[in-house]
Each structure stands twice: as structure tokens, then as C-alpha cells.
Amino acid sequence: MKKAALILGIIFLVLTFVGGGYVLINHGQVNAGYAVVPGTWAMVCFGFYRSGKRD
């Protein structure tokens, strides 16, 4: 379970940067949620990973 949290955290982190780039390319005219939502999930996954919980 801990490894899955790490993998999901990395995926969401990449999606955060892609979403941030998309917002910047469109000069902020699109919803910032494209970067914020995956960033929130990345923090949740990394927090679960760092908490040390195991199966």
C-alpha cells in the first residue's frame, strides 16, 4: 500500500506541473483547478507515504 501511495503521488505531482503549465500557456484564462486538484491529491498521497503505514 505504501508503494502504491508513492506511485500515485508521483503521478499526481506530474499532473500538477502539467496543469500549471496549461494554465500559464492560456494566460490564466482557464480554471486554476487543473493544477490545484492534482496538487492536493499529491500532498495526500505523499502524506500517507511518509506516515509509515504499511499493509
N, C-alpha and C. Protein backbone atom coordinates (compact mmCIF):
# COMPACT_ATOMS: atom_id res chain seq x y z
N MET A 1 0.82 -1.19 0.00
CA MET A 1 0.00 0.00 0.00
C MET A 1 0.87 1.27 0.00
N LYS A 2 2.00 1.18 0.72
CA LYS A 2 2.89 2.32 0.78
C LYS A 2 3.50 2.63 -0.59
N LYS A 3 3.84 1.58 -1.32
CA LYS A 3 4.42 1.77 -2.66
C LYS A 3 3.38 2.37 -3.61
N ALA A 4 2.14 1.95 -3.48
CA ALA A 4 1.07 2.50 -4.32
C ALA A 4 0.87 3.98 -4.04
N ALA A 5 0.97 4.38 -2.78
CA ALA A 5 0.83 5.80 -2.44
C ALA A 5 1.96 6.61 -3.05
N LEU A 6 3.16 6.07 -3.05
CA LEU A 6 4.30 6.77 -3.66
C LEU A 6 4.10 6.93 -5.17
N ILE A 7 3.68 5.87 -5.83
CA ILE A 7 3.48 5.92 -7.28
C ILE A 7 2.37 6.91 -7.63
N LEU A 8 1.25 6.85 -6.90
CA LEU A 8 0.16 7.79 -7.16
C LEU A 8 0.59 9.22 -6.87
N GLY A 9 1.39 9.42 -5.83
CA GLY A 9 1.87 10.75 -5.52
C GLY A 9 2.72 11.32 -6.65
N ILE A 10 3.57 10.49 -7.22
CA ILE A 10 4.41 10.94 -8.34
C ILE A 10 3.56 11.27 -9.56
N ILE A 11 2.57 10.43 -9.84
CA ILE A 11 1.68 10.69 -10.98
C ILE A 11 0.93 12.00 -10.79
N PHE A 12 0.38 12.22 -9.59
CA PHE A 12 -0.35 13.46 -9.34
C PHE A 12 0.58 14.67 -9.35
N LEU A 13 1.82 14.50 -8.93
CA LEU A 13 2.78 15.60 -8.98
C LEU A 13 3.06 16.01 -10.43
N VAL A 14 3.21 15.03 -11.29
CA VAL A 14 3.42 15.32 -12.72
C VAL A 14 2.19 16.02 -13.29
N LEU A 15 1.00 15.53 -12.93
CA LEU A 15 -0.23 16.17 -13.41
C LEU A 15 -0.36 17.60 -12.90
N THR A 16 0.15 17.87 -11.71
CA THR A 16 0.13 19.22 -11.17
C THR A 16 0.95 20.16 -12.03
N PHE A 17 2.16 19.72 -12.40
CA PHE A 17 3.01 20.57 -13.23
C PHE A 17 2.44 20.73 -14.64
N VAL A 18 1.85 19.67 -15.17
CA VAL A 18 1.23 19.77 -16.50
C VAL A 18 0.05 20.74 -16.44
N GLY A 19 -0.76 20.63 -15.40
CA GLY A 19 -1.90 21.55 -15.24
C GLY A 19 -1.44 22.98 -15.04
N GLY A 20 -0.38 23.17 -14.27
CA GLY A 20 0.16 24.52 -14.09
C GLY A 20 0.67 25.11 -15.40
N GLY A 21 1.34 24.29 -16.19
CA GLY A 21 1.80 24.73 -17.50
C GLY A 21 0.65 25.08 -18.42
N TYR A 22 -0.41 24.29 -18.36
CA TYR A 22 -1.60 24.56 -19.18
C TYR A 22 -2.24 25.89 -18.80
N VAL A 23 -2.31 26.16 -17.50
CA VAL A 23 -2.87 27.44 -17.05
C VAL A 23 -1.98 28.59 -17.51
N LEU A 24 -0.66 28.44 -17.40
CA LEU A 24 0.25 29.51 -17.81
C LEU A 24 0.22 29.73 -19.31
N ILE A 25 0.14 28.66 -20.09
CA ILE A 25 0.10 28.79 -21.55
C ILE A 25 -1.15 29.55 -21.99
N ASN A 26 -2.25 29.35 -21.26
CA ASN A 26 -3.50 30.03 -21.59
C ASN A 26 -3.66 31.36 -20.86
N HIS A 27 -2.56 31.89 -20.33
CA HIS A 27 -2.53 33.21 -19.69
C HIS A 27 -3.53 33.33 -18.55
N GLY A 28 -3.78 32.25 -17.84
CA GLY A 28 -4.66 32.28 -16.68
C GLY A 28 -6.14 32.36 -17.00
N GLN A 29 -6.49 32.18 -18.25
CA GLN A 29 -7.90 32.26 -18.65
C GLN A 29 -8.68 30.98 -18.36
N VAL A 30 -7.98 29.91 -18.07
CA VAL A 30 -8.64 28.64 -17.73
C VAL A 30 -8.62 28.48 -16.22
N ASN A 31 -9.39 27.54 -15.73
CA ASN A 31 -9.54 27.31 -14.30
C ASN A 31 -8.23 26.82 -13.69
N ALA A 32 -7.84 27.41 -12.57
CA ALA A 32 -6.62 27.01 -11.88
C ALA A 32 -6.76 25.63 -11.24
N GLY A 33 -7.96 25.09 -11.20
CA GLY A 33 -8.19 23.76 -10.65
C GLY A 33 -7.43 22.67 -11.40
N TYR A 34 -7.04 22.97 -12.64
CA TYR A 34 -6.25 22.00 -13.39
C TYR A 34 -4.92 21.71 -12.69
N ALA A 35 -4.43 22.64 -11.90
CA ALA A 35 -3.19 22.43 -11.15
C ALA A 35 -3.45 22.15 -9.68
N VAL A 36 -4.49 22.75 -9.12
CA VAL A 36 -4.72 22.66 -7.67
C VAL A 36 -5.24 21.29 -7.26
N VAL A 37 -6.16 20.74 -8.02
CA VAL A 37 -6.77 19.46 -7.63
C VAL A 37 -5.74 18.33 -7.61
N PRO A 38 -4.96 18.12 -8.67
CA PRO A 38 -3.95 17.06 -8.57
C PRO A 38 -2.87 17.37 -7.53
N GLY A 39 -2.60 18.66 -7.29
CA GLY A 39 -1.63 19.02 -6.26
C GLY A 39 -2.10 18.62 -4.87
N THR A 40 -3.38 18.77 -4.65
CA THR A 40 -3.96 18.36 -3.37
C THR A 40 -3.86 16.86 -3.19
N TRP A 41 -4.19 16.12 -4.23
CA TRP A 41 -4.09 14.66 -4.14
C TRP A 41 -2.65 14.19 -3.99
N ALA A 42 -1.72 14.91 -4.62
CA ALA A 42 -0.30 14.57 -4.46
C ALA A 42 0.12 14.74 -3.00
N MET A 43 -0.32 15.82 -2.36
CA MET A 43 0.02 16.03 -0.95
C MET A 43 -0.58 14.95 -0.07
N VAL A 44 -1.80 14.52 -0.38
CA VAL A 44 -2.44 13.46 0.39
C VAL A 44 -1.66 12.15 0.25
N CYS A 45 -1.30 11.81 -0.99
CA CYS A 45 -0.58 10.56 -1.23
C CYS A 45 0.80 10.58 -0.59
N PHE A 46 1.53 11.69 -0.71
CA PHE A 46 2.85 11.76 -0.09
C PHE A 46 2.75 11.77 1.43
N GLY A 47 1.70 12.39 1.96
CA GLY A 47 1.50 12.37 3.40
C GLY A 47 1.24 10.96 3.90
N PHE A 48 0.44 10.20 3.15
CA PHE A 48 0.20 8.81 3.52
C PHE A 48 1.48 8.00 3.41
N TYR A 49 2.27 8.27 2.40
CA TYR A 49 3.53 7.55 2.22
C TYR A 49 4.50 7.83 3.38
N ARG A 50 4.58 9.09 3.79
CA ARG A 50 5.50 9.47 4.85
C ARG A 50 5.03 9.05 6.24
N SER A 51 3.74 8.78 6.39
CA SER A 51 3.23 8.42 7.72
C SER A 51 3.75 7.05 8.17
N GLY A 52 4.23 6.25 7.23
CA GLY A 52 4.83 4.96 7.59
C GLY A 52 3.85 3.84 7.73
N LYS A 53 2.63 4.03 7.33
CA LYS A 53 1.64 2.95 7.43
C LYS A 53 1.96 1.87 6.41
N ARG A 54 1.80 0.64 6.83
CA ARG A 54 2.07 -0.50 5.95
C ARG A 54 0.85 -1.40 5.90
N ASP A 55 0.85 -2.33 4.96
CA ASP A 55 -0.30 -3.25 4.84
C ASP A 55 -0.40 -4.09 6.09
